[in-house]
């Protein structure tokens, strides 16, 4: 499968002006220097156990999804006023907000070029429909975009909507939990960064709803504090309020739901492997 980086981390457009591409995409190239866990690529390959899409088409679909994902990270970091991404300073702190937004938007244009290169009359329709959903559902929307594009080149037209929805929700809640709980996150992101961003993540929402009379958590969230001791205190509150226990319960349920849906769709050892990998949240807590 061809890499989206073309060896230089620059996903060149079809304009032919590589110098211009390299100037415009510096913030994008910057974020790619520390790759994520490539879970979306792993999922696409896992779904191909069922879909049997030709490797060249699968490679393009993976490129599209990775481009959209990383573009969204650039914009998310601006909106959330983030400090770190994947353990390094966010792109806009290096290149400025305007250049980072321009890069993110240019990547969307390049992703559309990739969609057109699939050379399928329905590809742009799928892209338009699922991109709208992606902006609302984020992770789940990206999953469905990949699946629907792959199905354009597959005889398997099973409905994977339910499984994609479960996986999207599982990924989001897992990310929320790991940001506040797991050591690997504290090593790769600023400690409990979601608290600094004032993010109403899953454990936070549970804490606020479970004790509406206790305003400590909401007050800490509104401060967007960078004080590690204050954040540690907030984590202790979440523990006392049972928010982490509740979140682990939901994650366990979503894992079981996903595995059940995989079996109902005929079984898939590659997806089972991805789900096993995602259970790191459980092993970290000795469950």
Protein backbone atom coordinates (compact mmCIF):
# COMPACT_ATOMS: atom_id res chain seq x y z
CA UNK A 1 0.00 0.00 0.00
CA UNK A 2 1.35 3.43 -0.95
CA UNK A 3 1.98 5.75 1.97
CA UNK A 4 0.19 9.09 2.12
CA UNK A 5 3.48 10.74 2.97
CA UNK A 6 5.23 9.91 -0.32
CA UNK A 7 8.40 9.66 1.76
CA UNK A 8 8.31 13.35 2.72
CA UNK A 9 5.16 13.63 4.84
CA UNK A 10 3.60 15.90 2.20
CA UNK A 11 0.38 14.65 0.54
CA UNK A 12 0.94 16.50 -2.72
CA UNK A 13 -2.03 17.89 -4.61
CA UNK A 14 -2.53 17.42 -8.34
CA UNK A 15 -1.62 21.05 -9.03
CA UNK A 16 1.94 20.02 -9.87
CA UNK A 17 3.32 22.89 -7.80
CA UNK A 18 5.19 20.96 -5.14
CA UNK A 19 6.93 24.03 -3.75
CA UNK A 20 3.58 25.65 -3.04
CA UNK A 21 2.23 22.44 -1.51
CA UNK A 22 5.22 22.18 0.81
CA UNK A 23 4.82 25.77 1.98
CA UNK A 24 1.07 25.46 2.56
CA UNK A 25 1.29 22.10 4.30
CA UNK A 26 4.08 22.75 6.80
CA UNK A 27 1.67 22.57 9.80
CA UNK A 28 0.28 19.31 8.45
CA UNK A 29 3.76 17.87 7.92
CA UNK A 30 4.63 18.94 11.45
CA UNK A 31 1.80 16.97 13.07
CA UNK A 32 2.72 13.86 11.07
CA UNK A 33 6.21 13.70 12.58
CA UNK A 34 4.70 11.93 15.59
CA UNK A 35 2.23 9.39 14.16
CA UNK A 36 -0.81 8.27 16.09
CA UNK A 37 -1.79 4.67 16.66
CA UNK A 38 -3.13 4.31 13.09
CA UNK A 39 -6.28 2.71 14.47
CA UNK A 40 -8.36 3.89 11.51
CA UNK A 41 -5.97 2.22 9.08
CA UNK A 42 -6.09 -0.96 11.15
CA UNK A 43 -9.90 -0.88 11.11
CA UNK A 44 -10.02 -0.40 7.34
CA UNK A 45 -7.80 -3.43 6.84
CA UNK A 46 -9.87 -5.37 9.37
CA UNK A 47 -13.11 -4.58 7.54
CA UNK A 48 -11.46 -5.68 4.31
CA UNK A 49 -11.56 -9.22 5.70
CA UNK A 50 -15.25 -8.98 4.81
CA UNK A 51 -15.21 -6.55 1.88
CA UNK A 52 -12.32 -7.89 -0.25
CA UNK A 53 -11.57 -4.50 -1.80
CA UNK A 54 -8.61 -4.39 -4.24
CA UNK A 55 -5.44 -3.23 -2.49
CA UNK A 56 -5.03 -0.13 -4.68
CA UNK A 57 -8.55 1.12 -3.85
CA UNK A 58 -8.13 0.25 -0.18
CA UNK A 59 -4.90 2.24 -0.09
CA UNK A 60 -6.63 5.35 -1.43
CA UNK A 61 -9.50 5.01 1.05
CA UNK A 62 -7.01 4.76 3.92
CA UNK A 63 -5.23 7.88 2.61
CA UNK A 64 -8.51 9.80 2.52
CA UNK A 65 -9.45 8.84 6.07
CA UNK A 66 -5.99 9.67 7.42
CA UNK A 67 -5.99 13.03 5.67
CA UNK A 68 -9.39 13.95 7.09
CA UNK A 69 -8.47 12.74 10.56
CA UNK A 70 -5.23 14.70 10.77
CA UNK A 71 -6.84 17.79 9.26
CA UNK A 72 -9.52 17.66 11.96
CA UNK A 73 -6.82 17.42 14.66
CA UNK A 74 -5.27 20.69 13.50
CA UNK A 75 -8.63 22.44 13.76
CA UNK A 76 -9.62 20.73 17.02
CA UNK A 77 -6.43 21.93 18.69
CA UNK A 78 -7.21 25.52 17.72
CA UNK A 79 -10.82 25.27 18.91
CA UNK A 80 -9.81 23.61 22.20
CA UNK A 81 -6.85 25.91 22.81
CA UNK A 82 -4.73 22.78 23.26
CA UNK A 83 -1.11 22.85 24.34
CA UNK A 84 0.20 19.48 23.17
CA UNK A 85 -0.72 16.97 20.50
CA UNK A 86 0.93 13.53 20.57
CA UNK A 87 3.47 14.83 23.06
CA UNK A 88 4.68 17.85 21.04
CA UNK A 89 3.47 21.48 20.94
CA UNK A 90 0.35 21.93 18.81
CA UNK A 91 0.91 23.04 15.22
CA UNK A 92 -0.68 26.47 15.60
CA UNK A 93 1.72 27.33 18.44
CA UNK A 94 4.55 26.93 15.92
CA UNK A 95 3.02 28.13 12.64
CA UNK A 96 0.24 30.41 13.84
CA UNK A 97 -3.52 30.00 13.68
CA UNK A 98 -4.02 31.35 10.15
CA UNK A 99 -1.42 29.11 8.51
CA UNK A 100 -2.67 26.07 10.41
CA UNK A 101 -6.28 26.67 9.34
CA UNK A 102 -5.13 27.15 5.74
CA UNK A 103 -3.21 23.87 5.89
CA UNK A 104 -6.17 21.97 7.37
CA UNK A 105 -8.51 23.31 4.69
CA UNK A 106 -6.03 22.56 1.91
CA UNK A 107 -5.81 18.97 3.13
CA UNK A 108 -9.60 18.70 2.77
CA UNK A 109 -9.18 19.74 -0.88
CA UNK A 110 -6.46 17.10 -1.39
CA UNK A 111 -8.71 14.48 0.23
CA UNK A 112 -11.43 15.34 -2.30
CA UNK A 113 -8.88 14.91 -5.10
CA UNK A 114 -8.19 11.44 -3.70
CA UNK A 115 -11.92 10.68 -3.70
CA UNK A 116 -12.12 11.65 -7.38
CA UNK A 117 -9.11 9.44 -8.12
CA UNK A 118 -11.15 6.42 -7.00
CA UNK A 119 -12.88 6.87 -10.38
CA UNK A 120 -16.31 5.76 -9.20
CA UNK A 121 -19.45 7.77 -10.05
CA UNK A 122 -20.85 7.46 -6.52
CA UNK A 123 -17.63 8.25 -4.64
CA UNK A 124 -18.24 12.00 -4.38
CA UNK A 125 -21.85 11.42 -3.25
CA UNK A 126 -20.65 9.11 -0.47
CA UNK A 127 -17.94 11.60 0.49
CA UNK A 128 -20.40 14.50 0.68
CA UNK A 129 -23.00 12.55 2.67
CA UNK A 130 -20.59 11.00 5.15
CA UNK A 131 -18.49 14.14 5.53
CA UNK A 132 -21.56 15.96 6.82
CA UNK A 133 -22.12 13.16 9.32
CA UNK A 134 -18.43 13.12 10.24
CA UNK A 135 -18.55 16.75 11.33
CA UNK A 136 -21.27 15.77 13.81
CA UNK A 137 -20.16 12.30 14.85
CA UNK A 138 -16.40 12.64 14.30
CA UNK A 139 -14.93 9.18 14.88
CA UNK A 140 -18.02 7.18 13.93
CA UNK A 141 -18.46 9.32 10.83
CA UNK A 142 -14.91 8.62 9.67
CA UNK A 143 -15.50 4.89 10.11
CA UNK A 144 -18.63 4.99 7.98
CA UNK A 145 -16.93 7.09 5.31
CA UNK A 146 -14.19 4.48 4.99
CA UNK A 147 -16.66 1.58 4.94
CA UNK A 148 -18.99 3.15 2.36
CA UNK A 149 -16.12 4.07 0.06
CA UNK A 150 -14.77 0.53 0.35
CA UNK A 151 -18.19 -0.93 -0.41
CA UNK A 152 -18.20 0.87 -3.76
CA UNK A 153 -15.61 -1.71 -4.79
CA UNK A 154 -17.00 -4.71 -2.91
CA UNK A 155 -19.68 -7.32 -3.49
CA UNK A 156 -20.41 -7.25 0.24
CA UNK A 157 -23.16 -4.71 0.85
CA UNK A 158 -23.95 -5.65 4.46
CA UNK A 159 -25.10 -2.83 6.72
CA UNK A 160 -22.22 -1.95 9.04
CA UNK A 161 -23.88 1.18 10.42
CA UNK A 162 -24.59 -0.32 13.84
CA UNK A 163 -21.05 -1.65 14.26
CA UNK A 164 -19.51 1.64 13.14
CA UNK A 165 -21.72 3.50 15.61
CA UNK A 166 -20.68 1.23 18.48
CA UNK A 167 -17.00 1.55 17.57
CA UNK A 168 -17.24 5.33 17.26
CA UNK A 169 -18.85 5.68 20.68
CA UNK A 170 -16.39 3.21 22.20
CA UNK A 171 -13.41 5.12 20.79
CA UNK A 172 -14.68 8.48 22.06
CA UNK A 173 -15.49 7.32 25.59
CA UNK A 174 -12.25 5.34 25.76
CA UNK A 175 -10.29 8.44 24.72
CA UNK A 176 -12.08 10.51 27.38
CA UNK A 177 -11.30 7.91 30.04
CA UNK A 178 -7.67 7.44 29.05
CA UNK A 179 -7.03 11.18 29.03
CA UNK A 180 -7.92 11.35 32.72
CA UNK A 181 -6.75 7.95 33.92
CA UNK A 182 -4.04 6.20 31.99
CA UNK A 183 -0.32 6.70 32.48
CA UNK A 184 0.47 6.48 28.76
CA UNK A 185 -1.70 9.53 28.17
CA UNK A 186 -0.05 11.54 30.91
CA UNK A 187 3.29 10.77 29.29
CA UNK A 188 2.23 11.73 25.77
CA UNK A 189 -0.12 14.62 26.48
CA UNK A 190 -0.09 17.28 29.15
CA UNK A 191 -1.53 15.79 32.35
CA UNK A 192 -5.34 15.54 32.15
CA UNK A 193 -5.41 17.92 29.19
CA UNK A 194 -9.18 17.61 28.89
CA UNK A 195 -9.48 19.53 32.18
CA UNK A 196 -7.27 22.32 30.84
CA UNK A 197 -9.44 22.47 27.72
CA UNK A 198 -12.61 22.63 29.82
CA UNK A 199 -13.92 19.59 27.98
CA UNK A 200 -17.23 18.04 29.03
CA UNK A 201 -15.94 14.51 28.58
CA UNK A 202 -17.87 11.37 29.52
CA UNK A 203 -16.55 10.97 33.11
CA UNK A 204 -16.97 14.70 33.75
CA UNK A 205 -20.61 14.67 32.61
CA UNK A 206 -21.31 11.69 34.86
CA UNK A 207 -19.74 13.46 37.86
CA UNK A 208 -21.73 16.66 37.31
CA UNK A 209 -25.01 14.80 36.88
CA UNK A 210 -24.47 12.43 39.80
CA UNK A 211 -23.95 15.27 42.28
CA UNK A 212 -25.62 18.42 40.89
CA UNK A 213 -25.34 20.04 44.33
CA UNK A 214 -21.53 19.72 44.35
CA UNK A 215 -20.10 22.40 42.06
CA UNK A 216 -16.39 21.61 42.53
CA UNK A 217 -15.92 19.73 39.27
CA UNK A 218 -17.74 22.30 37.14
CA UNK A 219 -15.80 25.14 38.77
CA UNK A 220 -12.47 23.43 38.06
CA UNK A 221 -13.53 22.79 34.47
CA UNK A 222 -14.47 26.43 33.92
CA UNK A 223 -11.06 27.57 35.13
CA UNK A 224 -9.28 25.65 32.34
CA UNK A 225 -6.50 25.21 34.85
CA UNK A 226 -2.95 24.11 34.09
CA UNK A 227 -2.22 23.56 37.78
CA UNK A 228 -1.30 19.89 38.12
CA UNK A 229 -2.33 19.74 41.78
CA UNK A 230 -5.78 21.12 41.01
CA UNK A 231 -6.17 18.58 38.20
CA UNK A 232 -5.08 15.76 40.50
CA UNK A 233 -7.71 16.89 42.99
CA UNK A 234 -10.36 16.85 40.27
CA UNK A 235 -9.34 13.30 39.32
CA UNK A 236 -9.75 12.28 42.97
CA UNK A 237 -13.24 13.80 42.95
CA UNK A 238 -14.16 11.81 39.84
CA UNK A 239 -12.93 8.66 41.55
CA UNK A 240 -14.97 9.37 44.70
CA UNK A 241 -18.09 10.13 42.68
CA UNK A 242 -17.81 6.77 40.90
CA UNK A 243 -17.37 8.39 37.49
CA UNK A 244 -14.42 6.22 36.50
CA UNK A 245 -16.14 3.06 37.71
CA UNK A 246 -19.22 3.97 35.68
CA UNK A 247 -17.10 4.77 32.60
CA UNK A 248 -15.31 1.42 32.84
CA UNK A 249 -18.70 -0.30 33.03
CA UNK A 250 -19.86 1.44 29.86
CA UNK A 251 -16.59 0.64 28.06
CA UNK A 252 -16.97 -3.03 28.98
CA UNK A 253 -20.54 -3.02 27.64
CA UNK A 254 -19.47 -1.37 24.38
CA UNK A 255 -16.64 -3.87 23.94
CA UNK A 256 -19.10 -6.74 24.37
CA UNK A 257 -21.63 -5.10 22.01
CA UNK A 258 -18.97 -4.65 19.35
CA UNK A 259 -17.82 -8.26 19.63
CA UNK A 260 -21.41 -9.50 19.46
CA UNK A 261 -22.08 -7.43 16.34
CA UNK A 262 -18.88 -8.73 14.72
CA UNK A 263 -20.04 -12.31 15.31
CA UNK A 264 -23.51 -11.57 13.93
CA UNK A 265 -21.85 -10.24 10.79
CA UNK A 266 -20.02 -13.54 10.33
CA UNK A 267 -16.96 -13.14 12.53
CA UNK A 268 -13.73 -11.27 11.81
CA UNK A 269 -10.42 -12.24 13.49
CA UNK A 270 -8.81 -8.95 12.47
CA UNK A 271 -11.50 -6.85 14.13
CA UNK A 272 -11.29 -9.08 17.19
CA UNK A 273 -7.58 -8.28 17.27
CA UNK A 274 -8.24 -4.53 17.10
CA UNK A 275 -10.74 -4.83 19.95
CA UNK A 276 -8.21 -6.80 21.98
CA UNK A 277 -5.66 -4.04 21.44
CA UNK A 278 -8.14 -1.42 22.62
CA UNK A 279 -8.57 -3.21 25.95
CA UNK A 280 -5.41 -1.54 27.24
CA UNK A 281 -7.67 0.70 29.34
CA UNK A 282 -8.79 -2.42 31.20
CA UNK A 283 -5.34 -3.94 31.68
CA UNK A 284 -4.01 -0.63 32.99
CA UNK A 285 -6.48 -0.81 35.85
CA UNK A 286 -5.77 -4.45 36.63
CA UNK A 287 -9.27 -5.62 35.66
